[in-house]
Amino acid sequence: MMRRYTKQRNLVKPAKIRFTTAFLTLHSFYMQKK
């Protein structure tokens, strides 16, 4: 259901380091805010 609203975009953006993943995930959330 979420993917239909986000145009198949996922929320988690994996990176080599978990803290970088944390930031990229928040950025992904913000891009999908609406």
Full PDB file with SEQRES, HELIX, SHEET, SSBOND, CRYST1, ORIGX, SCALE, CONECT and MASTER records, all heavy atoms in Angstrom:
SEQRES   1 A   34  MET MET ARG ARG TYR THR LYS GLN ARG ASN LEU VAL LYS          
SEQRES   2 A   34  PRO ALA LYS ILE ARG PHE THR THR ALA PHE LEU THR LEU          
SEQRES   3 A   34  HIS SER PHE TYR MET GLN LYS LYS                              
HELIX    1 AA1 MET A    2  TYR A    5  1                                   4    
HELIX    2 AA2 ARG A   18  MET A   31  1                                  14    
CRYST1    1.000    1.000    1.000  90.00  90.00  90.00 P 1           1          
ORIGX1      1.000000  0.000000  0.000000        0.00000                         
ORIGX2      0.000000  1.000000  0.000000        0.00000                         
ORIGX3      0.000000  0.000000  1.000000        0.00000                         
SCALE1      1.000000  0.000000  0.000000        0.00000                         
SCALE2      0.000000  1.000000  0.000000        0.00000                         
SCALE3      0.000000  0.000000  1.000000        0.00000                         
ATOM      1  N   MET A   1       0.839  -1.191   0.000  1.00  0.00           N  
ATOM      2  CA  MET A   1       0.000   0.000   0.000  1.00  0.00           C  
ATOM      3  C   MET A   1       0.886   1.257   0.000  1.00  0.00           C  
ATOM      4  O   MET A   1       0.641   2.206  -0.755  1.00  0.00           O  
ATOM      5  CB  MET A   1      -0.907   0.005   1.237  1.00  0.00           C  
ATOM      6  CG  MET A   1      -1.971   1.117   1.226  1.00  0.00           C  
ATOM      7  SD  MET A   1      -2.823   1.286   2.848  1.00  0.00           S  
ATOM      8  CE  MET A   1      -3.458  -0.377   3.069  1.00  0.00           C  
ATOM      9  N   MET A   2       1.911   1.253   0.853  1.00  0.00           N  
ATOM     10  CA  MET A   2       2.813   2.408   0.914  1.00  0.00           C  
ATOM     11  C   MET A   2       3.514   2.636  -0.418  1.00  0.00           C  
ATOM     12  O   MET A   2       3.636   3.771  -0.886  1.00  0.00           O  
ATOM     13  CB  MET A   2       3.860   2.194   2.009  1.00  0.00           C  
ATOM     14  CG  MET A   2       4.822   3.370   2.174  1.00  0.00           C  
ATOM     15  SD  MET A   2       6.430   2.905   2.871  1.00  0.00           S  
ATOM     16  CE  MET A   2       7.210   2.091   1.459  1.00  0.00           C  
ATOM     17  N   ARG A   3       3.962   1.552  -1.041  1.00  0.00           N  
ATOM     18  CA  ARG A   3       4.701   1.688  -2.302  1.00  0.00           C  
ATOM     19  C   ARG A   3       3.831   2.288  -3.410  1.00  0.00           C  
ATOM     20  O   ARG A   3       4.355   2.947  -4.303  1.00  0.00           O  
ATOM     21  CB  ARG A   3       5.251   0.320  -2.728  1.00  0.00           C  
ATOM     22  CG  ARG A   3       6.472  -0.111  -1.915  1.00  0.00           C  
ATOM     23  CD  ARG A   3       6.899  -1.520  -2.224  1.00  0.00           C  
ATOM     24  NE  ARG A   3       8.132  -1.878  -1.541  1.00  0.00           N  
ATOM     25  CZ  ARG A   3       8.558  -3.120  -1.385  1.00  0.00           C  
ATOM     26  NH1 ARG A   3       7.833  -4.134  -1.853  1.00  0.00           N  
ATOM     27  NH2 ARG A   3       9.689  -3.354  -0.761  1.00  0.00           N  
ATOM     28  N   ARG A   4       2.534   2.050  -3.347  1.00  0.00           N  
ATOM     29  CA  ARG A   4       1.653   2.670  -4.342  1.00  0.00           C  
ATOM     30  C   ARG A   4       1.624   4.184  -4.160  1.00  0.00           C  
ATOM     31  O   ARG A   4       1.498   4.936  -5.122  1.00  0.00           O  
ATOM     32  CB  ARG A   4       0.246   2.079  -4.236  1.00  0.00           C  
ATOM     33  CG  ARG A   4       0.116   0.676  -4.821  1.00  0.00           C  
ATOM     34  CD  ARG A   4      -1.337   0.292  -5.051  1.00  0.00           C  
ATOM     35  NE  ARG A   4      -2.059   0.116  -3.793  1.00  0.00           N  
ATOM     36  CZ  ARG A   4      -2.105  -1.022  -3.113  1.00  0.00           C  
ATOM     37  NH1 ARG A   4      -1.460  -2.096  -3.564  1.00  0.00           N  
ATOM     38  NH2 ARG A   4      -2.802  -1.090  -1.994  1.00  0.00           N  
ATOM     39  N   TYR A   5       1.748   4.624  -2.927  1.00  0.00           N  
ATOM     40  CA  TYR A   5       1.755   6.066  -2.647  1.00  0.00           C  
ATOM     41  C   TYR A   5       3.125   6.699  -2.906  1.00  0.00           C  
ATOM     42  O   TYR A   5       3.217   7.876  -3.249  1.00  0.00           O  
ATOM     43  CB  TYR A   5       1.342   6.320  -1.193  1.00  0.00           C  
ATOM     44  CG  TYR A   5      -0.150   6.267  -0.970  1.00  0.00           C  
ATOM     45  CD1 TYR A   5      -0.805   5.043  -0.780  1.00  0.00           C  
ATOM     46  CD2 TYR A   5      -0.919   7.429  -0.958  1.00  0.00           C  
ATOM     47  CE1 TYR A   5      -2.171   4.986  -0.581  1.00  0.00           C  
ATOM     48  CE2 TYR A   5      -2.288   7.386  -0.758  1.00  0.00           C  
ATOM     49  CZ  TYR A   5      -2.909   6.158  -0.581  1.00  0.00           C  
ATOM     50  OH  TYR A   5      -4.282   6.109  -0.393  1.00  0.00           O  
ATOM     51  N   THR A   6       4.213   5.921  -2.710  1.00  0.00           N  
ATOM     52  CA  THR A   6       5.569   6.470  -2.864  1.00  0.00           C  
ATOM     53  C   THR A   6       6.177   6.162  -4.233  1.00  0.00           C  
ATOM     54  O   THR A   6       7.370   6.353  -4.440  1.00  0.00           O  
ATOM     55  CB  THR A   6       6.510   5.909  -1.775  1.00  0.00           C  
ATOM     56  OG1 THR A   6       6.621   4.485  -1.928  1.00  0.00           O  
ATOM     57  CG2 THR A   6       6.000   6.240  -0.379  1.00  0.00           C  
ATOM     58  N   LYS A   7       5.343   5.683  -5.153  1.00  0.00           N  
ATOM     59  CA  LYS A   7       5.805   5.332  -6.500  1.00  0.00           C  
ATOM     60  C   LYS A   7       6.924   4.299  -6.448  1.00  0.00           C  
ATOM     61  O   LYS A   7       7.974   4.435  -7.086  1.00  0.00           O  
ATOM     62  CB  LYS A   7       6.254   6.588  -7.262  1.00  0.00           C  
ATOM     63  CG  LYS A   7       5.114   7.584  -7.467  1.00  0.00           C  
ATOM     64  CD  LYS A   7       5.571   8.819  -8.211  1.00  0.00           C  
ATOM     65  CE  LYS A   7       4.413   9.797  -8.381  1.00  0.00           C  
ATOM     66  NZ  LYS A   7       4.822  11.035  -9.076  1.00  0.00           N  
ATOM     67  N   GLN A   8       6.703   3.267  -5.637  1.00  0.00           N  
ATOM     68  CA  GLN A   8       7.594   2.111  -5.474  1.00  0.00           C  
ATOM     69  C   GLN A   8       8.917   2.450  -4.785  1.00  0.00           C  
ATOM     70  O   GLN A   8       9.861   1.659  -4.823  1.00  0.00           O  
ATOM     71  CB  GLN A   8       7.858   1.430  -6.835  1.00  0.00           C  
ATOM     72  CG  GLN A   8       6.611   0.985  -7.575  1.00  0.00           C  
ATOM     73  CD  GLN A   8       5.754   0.033  -6.748  1.00  0.00           C  
ATOM     74  OE1 GLN A   8       6.263  -0.919  -6.143  1.00  0.00           O  
ATOM     75  NE2 GLN A   8       4.440   0.305  -6.702  1.00  0.00           N  
ATOM     76  N   ARG A   9       9.008   3.618  -4.177  1.00  0.00           N  
ATOM     77  CA  ARG A   9      10.236   3.993  -3.461  1.00  0.00           C  
ATOM     78  C   ARG A   9      10.209   3.411  -2.053  1.00  0.00           C  
ATOM     79  O   ARG A   9       9.190   3.475  -1.364  1.00  0.00           O  
ATOM     80  CB  ARG A   9      10.362   5.513  -3.370  1.00  0.00           C  
ATOM     81  CG  ARG A   9      10.395   6.214  -4.727  1.00  0.00           C  
ATOM     82  CD  ARG A   9      11.762   6.059  -5.374  1.00  0.00           C  
ATOM     83  NE  ARG A   9      11.799   6.699  -6.678  1.00  0.00           N  
ATOM     84  CZ  ARG A   9      12.052   7.980  -6.889  1.00  0.00           C  
ATOM     85  NH1 ARG A   9      12.259   8.778  -5.853  1.00  0.00           N  
ATOM     86  NH2 ARG A   9      12.107   8.463  -8.108  1.00  0.00           N  
ATOM     87  N   ASN A  10      11.359   2.885  -1.605  1.00  0.00           N  
ATOM     88  CA  ASN A  10      11.492   2.400  -0.239  1.00  0.00           C  
ATOM     89  C   ASN A  10      11.952   3.534   0.675  1.00  0.00           C  
ATOM     90  O   ASN A  10      12.441   4.569   0.205  1.00  0.00           O  
ATOM     91  CB  ASN A  10      12.477   1.233  -0.174  1.00  0.00           C  
ATOM     92  CG  ASN A  10      11.925  -0.016  -0.832  1.00  0.00           C  
ATOM     93  OD1 ASN A  10      10.738  -0.324  -0.692  1.00  0.00           O  
ATOM     94  ND2 ASN A  10      12.773  -0.733  -1.563  1.00  0.00           N  
ATOM     95  N   LEU A  11      11.847   3.329   1.984  1.00  0.00           N  
ATOM     96  CA  LEU A  11      12.179   4.381   2.938  1.00  0.00           C  
ATOM     97  C   LEU A  11      13.621   4.308   3.433  1.00  0.00           C  
ATOM     98  O   LEU A  11      14.208   5.320   3.795  1.00  0.00           O  
ATOM     99  CB  LEU A  11      11.223   4.320   4.145  1.00  0.00           C  
ATOM    100  CG  LEU A  11       9.758   4.612   3.833  1.00  0.00           C  
ATOM    101  CD1 LEU A  11       8.903   4.447   5.085  1.00  0.00           C  
ATOM    102  CD2 LEU A  11       9.592   6.016   3.264  1.00  0.00           C  
ATOM    103  N   VAL A  12      14.184   3.105   3.467  1.00  0.00           N  
ATOM    104  CA  VAL A  12      15.552   2.954   3.976  1.00  0.00           C  
ATOM    105  C   VAL A  12      16.546   3.072   2.834  1.00  0.00           C  
ATOM    106  O   VAL A  12      16.379   2.458   1.781  1.00  0.00           O  
ATOM    107  CB  VAL A  12      15.727   1.606   4.699  1.00  0.00           C  
ATOM    108  CG1 VAL A  12      17.199   1.340   5.004  1.00  0.00           C  
ATOM    109  CG2 VAL A  12      14.934   1.601   5.992  1.00  0.00           C  
ATOM    110  N   LYS A  13      17.598   3.880   3.059  1.00  0.00           N  
ATOM    111  CA  LYS A  13      18.674   4.036   2.099  1.00  0.00           C  
ATOM    112  C   LYS A  13      19.934   3.428   2.704  1.00  0.00           C  
ATOM    113  O   LYS A  13      20.602   4.046   3.530  1.00  0.00           O  
ATOM    114  CB  LYS A  13      18.912   5.520   1.789  1.00  0.00           C  
ATOM    115  CG  LYS A  13      17.745   6.210   1.100  1.00  0.00           C  
ATOM    116  CD  LYS A  13      17.639   5.783  -0.337  1.00  0.00           C  
ATOM    117  CE  LYS A  13      16.553   6.571  -1.066  1.00  0.00           C  
ATOM    118  NZ  LYS A  13      16.427   6.168  -2.468  1.00  0.00           N  
ATOM    119  N   PRO A  14      20.286   2.191   2.332  1.00  0.00           N  
ATOM    120  CA  PRO A  14      21.431   1.541   2.967  1.00  0.00           C  
ATOM    121  C   PRO A  14      22.751   2.216   2.608  1.00  0.00           C  
ATOM    122  O   PRO A  14      22.929   2.744   1.522  1.00  0.00           O  
ATOM    123  CB  PRO A  14      21.385   0.111   2.412  1.00  0.00           C  
ATOM    124  CG  PRO A  14      20.630   0.233   1.127  1.00  0.00           C  
ATOM    125  CD  PRO A  14      19.648   1.340   1.325  1.00  0.00           C  
ATOM    126  N   ALA A  15      23.672   2.225   3.573  1.00  0.00           N  
ATOM    127  CA  ALA A  15      25.021   2.751   3.367  1.00  0.00           C  
ATOM    128  C   ALA A  15      25.982   1.834   4.098  1.00  0.00           C  
ATOM    129  O   ALA A  15      25.581   0.924   4.834  1.00  0.00           O  
ATOM    130  CB  ALA A  15      25.123   4.188   3.885  1.00  0.00           C  
ATOM    131  N   LYS A  16      27.287   2.074   3.898  1.00  0.00           N  
ATOM    132  CA  LYS A  16      28.287   1.209   4.509  1.00  0.00           C  
ATOM    133  C   LYS A  16      28.265   1.303   6.033  1.00  0.00           C  
ATOM    134  O   LYS A  16      28.547   0.350   6.733  1.00  0.00           O  
ATOM    135  CB  LYS A  16      29.689   1.572   4.006  1.00  0.00           C  
ATOM    136  CG  LYS A  16      29.930   1.235   2.547  1.00  0.00           C  
ATOM    137  CD  LYS A  16      31.375   1.420   2.177  1.00  0.00           C  
ATOM    138  CE  LYS A  16      31.814   2.862   2.274  1.00  0.00           C  
ATOM    139  NZ  LYS A  16      33.222   3.053   1.830  1.00  0.00           N  
ATOM    140  N   ILE A  17      27.960   2.487   6.557  1.00  0.00           N  
ATOM    141  CA  ILE A  17      27.997   2.716   7.995  1.00  0.00           C  
ATOM    142  C   ILE A  17      26.587   3.013   8.494  1.00  0.00           C  
ATOM    143  O   ILE A  17      25.841   3.755   7.860  1.00  0.00           O  
ATOM    144  CB  ILE A  17      28.924   3.900   8.338  1.00  0.00           C  
ATOM    145  CG1 ILE A  17      30.295   3.713   7.692  1.00  0.00           C  
ATOM    146  CG2 ILE A  17      29.052   4.068   9.837  1.00  0.00           C  
ATOM    147  CD1 ILE A  17      31.093   2.537   8.206  1.00  0.00           C  
ATOM    148  N   ARG A  18      26.221   2.447   9.648  1.00  0.00           N  
ATOM    149  CA  ARG A  18      24.835   2.557  10.110  1.00  0.00           C  
ATOM    150  C   ARG A  18      24.426   3.998  10.395  1.00  0.00           C  
ATOM    151  O   ARG A  18      23.268   4.364  10.212  1.00  0.00           O  
ATOM    152  CB  ARG A  18      24.602   1.681  11.330  1.00  0.00           C  
ATOM    153  CG  ARG A  18      25.341   2.070  12.584  1.00  0.00           C  
ATOM    154  CD  ARG A  18      25.182   0.994  13.647  1.00  0.00           C  
ATOM    155  NE  ARG A  18      25.887   1.304  14.879  1.00  0.00           N  
ATOM    156  CZ  ARG A  18      25.310   1.814  15.957  1.00  0.00           C  
ATOM    157  NH1 ARG A  18      24.021   2.096  15.915  1.00  0.00           N  
ATOM    158  NH2 ARG A  18      25.996   2.042  17.048  1.00  0.00           N  
ATOM    159  N   PHE A  19      25.367   4.845  10.850  1.00  0.00           N  
ATOM    160  CA  PHE A  19      24.993   6.220  11.141  1.00  0.00           C  
ATOM    161  C   PHE A  19      24.697   6.982   9.849  1.00  0.00           C  
ATOM    162  O   PHE A  19      23.821   7.842   9.817  1.00  0.00           O  
ATOM    163  CB  PHE A  19      26.095   6.917  11.936  1.00  0.00           C  
ATOM    164  CG  PHE A  19      26.385   6.248  13.249  1.00  0.00           C  
ATOM    165  CD1 PHE A  19      27.663   5.840  13.579  1.00  0.00           C  
ATOM    166  CD2 PHE A  19      25.360   6.015  14.156  1.00  0.00           C  
ATOM    167  CE1 PHE A  19      27.922   5.228  14.784  1.00  0.00           C  
ATOM    168  CE2 PHE A  19      25.609   5.395  15.363  1.00  0.00           C  
ATOM    169  CZ  PHE A  19      26.892   4.997  15.679  1.00  0.00           C  
ATOM    170  N   THR A  20      25.422   6.657   8.784  1.00  0.00           N  
ATOM    171  CA  THR A  20      25.118   7.256   7.495  1.00  0.00           C  
ATOM    172  C   THR A  20      23.763   6.774   7.004  1.00  0.00           C  
ATOM    173  O   THR A  20      22.972   7.545   6.452  1.00  0.00           O  
ATOM    174  CB  THR A  20      26.202   6.901   6.462  1.00  0.00           C  
ATOM    175  OG1 THR A  20      27.482   7.173   7.017  1.00  0.00           O  
ATOM    176  CG2 THR A  20      26.023   7.701   5.190  1.00  0.00           C  
ATOM    177  N   THR A  21      23.492   5.490   7.228  1.00  0.00           N  
ATOM    178  CA  THR A  21      22.176   4.938   6.889  1.00  0.00           C  
ATOM    179  C   THR A  21      21.069   5.686   7.625  1.00  0.00           C  
ATOM    180  O   THR A  21      20.011   5.975   7.058  1.00  0.00           O  
ATOM    181  CB  THR A  21      22.113   3.437   7.234  1.00  0.00           C  
ATOM    182  OG1 THR A  21      23.094   2.736   6.473  1.00  0.00           O  
ATOM    183  CG2 THR A  21      20.737   2.856   6.943  1.00  0.00           C  
ATOM    184  N   ALA A  22      21.324   6.017   8.897  1.00  0.00           N  
ATOM    185  CA  ALA A  22      20.331   6.743   9.690  1.00  0.00           C  
ATOM    186  C   ALA A  22      19.989   8.079   9.048  1.00  0.00           C  
ATOM    187  O   ALA A  22      18.812   8.434   8.903  1.00  0.00           O  
ATOM    188  CB  ALA A  22      20.856   6.969  11.110  1.00  0.00           C  
ATOM    189  N   PHE A  23      21.016   8.823   8.650  1.00  0.00           N  
ATOM    190  CA  PHE A  23      20.759  10.120   8.027  1.00  0.00           C  
ATOM    191  C   PHE A  23      20.039   9.953   6.696  1.00  0.00           C  
ATOM    192  O   PHE A  23      19.054  10.654   6.415  1.00  0.00           O  
ATOM    193  CB  PHE A  23      22.066  10.878   7.807  1.00  0.00           C  
ATOM    194  CG  PHE A  23      21.884  12.102   6.952  1.00  0.00           C  
ATOM    195  CD1 PHE A  23      21.393  13.278   7.498  1.00  0.00           C  
ATOM    196  CD2 PHE A  23      22.155  12.063   5.589  1.00  0.00           C  
ATOM    197  CE1 PHE A  23      21.183  14.394   6.701  1.00  0.00           C  
ATOM    198  CE2 PHE A  23      21.952  13.172   4.791  1.00  0.00           C  
ATOM    199  CZ  PHE A  23      21.467  14.341   5.351  1.00  0.00           C  
ATOM    200  N   LEU A  24      20.519   9.053   5.843  1.00  0.00           N  
ATOM    201  CA  LEU A  24      19.918   8.870   4.526  1.00  0.00           C  
ATOM    202  C   LEU A  24      18.465   8.403   4.629  1.00  0.00           C  
ATOM    203  O   LEU A  24      17.625   8.753   3.803  1.00  0.00           O  
ATOM    204  CB  LEU A  24      20.742   7.881   3.706  1.00  0.00           C  
ATOM    205  CG  LEU A  24      22.163   8.340   3.343  1.00  0.00           C  
ATOM    206  CD1 LEU A  24      22.915   7.226   2.615  1.00  0.00           C  
ATOM    207  CD2 LEU A  24      22.125   9.596   2.484  1.00  0.00           C  
ATOM    208  N   THR A  25      18.189   7.614   5.676  1.00  0.00           N  
ATOM    209  CA  THR A  25      16.817   7.161   5.888  1.00  0.00           C  
ATOM    210  C   THR A  25      15.916   8.336   6.251  1.00  0.00           C  
ATOM    211  O   THR A  25      14.792   8.467   5.736  1.00  0.00           O  
ATOM    212  CB  THR A  25      16.775   6.090   6.990  1.00  0.00           C  
ATOM    213  OG1 THR A  25      17.518   4.943   6.551  1.00  0.00           O  
ATOM    214  CG2 THR A  25      15.341   5.675   7.299  1.00  0.00           C  
ATOM    215  N   LEU A  26      16.393   9.222   7.127  1.00  0.00           N  
ATOM    216  CA  LEU A  26      15.610  10.408   7.472  1.00  0.00           C  
ATOM    217  C   LEU A  26      15.379  11.285   6.247  1.00  0.00           C  
ATOM    218  O   LEU A  26      14.297  11.849   6.062  1.00  0.00           O  
ATOM    219  CB  LEU A  26      16.311  11.209   8.570  1.00  0.00           C  
ATOM    220  CG  LEU A  26      16.234  10.628   9.982  1.00  0.00           C  
ATOM    221  CD1 LEU A  26      17.055  11.464  10.943  1.00  0.00           C  
ATOM    222  CD2 LEU A  26      14.788  10.549  10.458  1.00  0.00           C  
ATOM    223  N   HIS A  27      16.393  11.376   5.403  1.00  0.00           N  
ATOM    224  CA  HIS A  27      16.246  12.160   4.170  1.00  0.00           C  
ATOM    225  C   HIS A  27      15.190  11.532   3.267  1.00  0.00           C  
ATOM    226  O   HIS A  27      14.362  12.238   2.665  1.00  0.00           O  
ATOM    227  CB  HIS A  27      17.584  12.252   3.442  1.00  0.00           C  
ATOM    228  CG  HIS A  27      17.540  13.105   2.210  1.00  0.00           C  
ATOM    229  ND1 HIS A  27      17.396  12.574   0.937  1.00  0.00           N  
ATOM    230  CD2 HIS A  27      17.596  14.446   2.047  1.00  0.00           C  
ATOM    231  CE1 HIS A  27      17.376  13.556   0.056  1.00  0.00           C  
ATOM    232  NE2 HIS A  27      17.489  14.700   0.702  1.00  0.00           N  
ATOM    233  N   SER A  28      15.209  10.208   3.178  1.00  0.00           N  
ATOM    234  CA  SER A  28      14.220   9.506   2.369  1.00  0.00           C  
ATOM    235  C   SER A  28      12.811   9.724   2.921  1.00  0.00           C  
ATOM    236  O   SER A  28      11.857   9.938   2.171  1.00  0.00           O  
ATOM    237  CB  SER A  28      14.545   8.010   2.332  1.00  0.00           C  
ATOM    238  OG  SER A  28      13.582   7.301   1.587  1.00  0.00           O  
ATOM    239  N   PHE A  29      12.675   9.689   4.250  1.00  0.00           N  
ATOM    240  CA  PHE A  29      11.385   9.972   4.883  1.00  0.00           C  
ATOM    241  C   PHE A  29      10.902  11.367   4.490  1.00  0.00           C  
ATOM    242  O   PHE A  29       9.737  11.551   4.130  1.00  0.00           O  
ATOM    243  CB  PHE A  29      11.509   9.889   6.412  1.00  0.00           C  
ATOM    244  CG  PHE A  29      11.122   8.563   6.993  1.00  0.00           C  
ATOM    245  CD1 PHE A  29      11.922   7.454   6.812  1.00  0.00           C  
ATOM    246  CD2 PHE A  29       9.956   8.418   7.721  1.00  0.00           C  
ATOM    247  CE1 PHE A  29      11.578   6.226   7.345  1.00  0.00           C  
ATOM    248  CE2 PHE A  29       9.594   7.204   8.262  1.00  0.00           C  
ATOM    249  CZ  PHE A  29      10.408   6.100   8.076  1.00  0.00           C  
ATOM    250  N   TYR A  30      11.812  12.332   4.579  1.00  0.00           N  
ATOM    251  CA  TYR A  30      11.411  13.712   4.306  1.00  0.00           C  
ATOM    252  C   TYR A  30      10.986  13.883   2.846  1.00  0.00           C  
ATOM    253  O   TYR A  30      10.029  14.608   2.553  1.00  0.00           O  
ATOM    254  CB  TYR A  30      12.554  14.670   4.625  1.00  0.00           C  
ATOM    255  CG  TYR A  30      12.149  16.120   4.498  1.00  0.00           C  
ATOM    256  CD1 TYR A  30      11.281  16.706   5.415  1.00  0.00           C  
ATOM    257  CD2 TYR A  30      12.625  16.902   3.440  1.00  0.00           C  
ATOM    258  CE1 TYR A  30      10.887  18.033   5.287  1.00  0.00           C  
ATOM    259  CE2 TYR A  30      12.232  18.230   3.307  1.00  0.00           C  
ATOM    260  CZ  TYR A  30      11.364  18.787   4.228  1.00  0.00           C  
ATOM    261  OH  TYR A  30      10.983  20.092   4.100  1.00  0.00           O  
ATOM    262  N   MET A  31      11.694  13.199   1.925  1.00  0.00           N  
ATOM    263  CA  MET A  31      11.341  13.289   0.514  1.00  0.00           C  
ATOM    264  C   MET A  31       9.956  12.683   0.250  1.00  0.00           C  
ATOM    265  O   MET A  31       9.282  13.053  -0.706  1.00  0.00           O  
ATOM    266  CB  MET A  31      12.392  12.588  -0.343  1.00  0.00           C  
ATOM    267  CG  MET A  31      13.777  13.223  -0.286  1.00  0.00           C  
ATOM    268  SD  MET A  31      13.793  14.963  -0.809  1.00  0.00           S  
ATOM    269  CE  MET A  31      13.444  14.789  -2.563  1.00  0.00           C  
ATOM    270  N   GLN A  32       9.538  11.753   1.117  1.00  0.00           N  
ATOM    271  CA  GLN A  32       8.230  11.107   0.950  1.00  0.00           C  
ATOM    272  C   GLN A  32       7.182  11.663   1.922  1.00  0.00           C  
ATOM    273  O   GLN A  32       6.116  11.069   2.091  1.00  0.00           O  
ATOM    274  CB  GLN A  32       8.373   9.593   1.166  1.00  0.00           C  
ATOM    275  CG  GLN A  32       9.240   8.889   0.144  1.00  0.00           C  
ATOM    276  CD  GLN A  32       8.656   8.954  -1.256  1.00  0.00           C  
ATOM    277  OE1 GLN A  32       7.448   9.128  -1.427  1.00  0.00           O  
ATOM    278  NE2 GLN A  32       9.488   8.807  -2.263  1.00  0.00           N  
ATOM    279  N   LYS A  33       7.487  12.799   2.547  1.00  0.00           N  
ATOM    280  CA  LYS A  33       6.592  13.365   3.565  1.00  0.00           C  
ATOM    281  C   LYS A  33       5.148  13.485   3.062  1.00  0.00           C  
ATOM    282  O   LYS A  33       4.205  13.001   3.708  1.00  0.00           O  
ATOM    283  CB  LYS A  33       7.102  14.751   3.997  1.00  0.00           C  
ATOM    284  CG  LYS A  33       6.159  15.482   4.935  1.00  0.00           C  
ATOM    285  CD  LYS A  33       6.680  16.882   5.259  1.00  0.00           C  
ATOM    286  CE  LYS A  33       5.672  17.667   6.093  1.00  0.00           C  
ATOM    287  NZ  LYS A  33       6.150  19.031   6.400  1.00  0.00           N  
ATOM    288  N   LYS A  34       4.961  14.120   1.930  1.00  0.00           N  
ATOM    289  CA  LYS A  34       3.610  14.345   1.408  1.00  0.00           C  
ATOM    290  C   LYS A  34       2.903  13.024   1.146  1.00  0.00           C  
ATOM    291  O   LYS A  34       1.726  12.841   1.501  1.00  0.00           O  
ATOM    292  CB  LYS A  34       3.682  15.179   0.133  1.00  0.00           C  
ATOM    293  CG  LYS A  34       2.324  15.497  -0.473  1.00  0.00           C  
ATOM    294  CD  LYS A  34       2.459  16.363  -1.722  1.00  0.00           C  
ATOM    295  CE  LYS A  34       1.102  16.656  -2.340  1.00  0.00           C  
ATOM    296  NZ  LYS A  34       1.247  17.496  -3.573  1.00  0.00           N  
TER     297      LYS A  34                                                      
MASTER        0    0    0    2    0    0    0    6  296    1    0    3          
END                                                                             
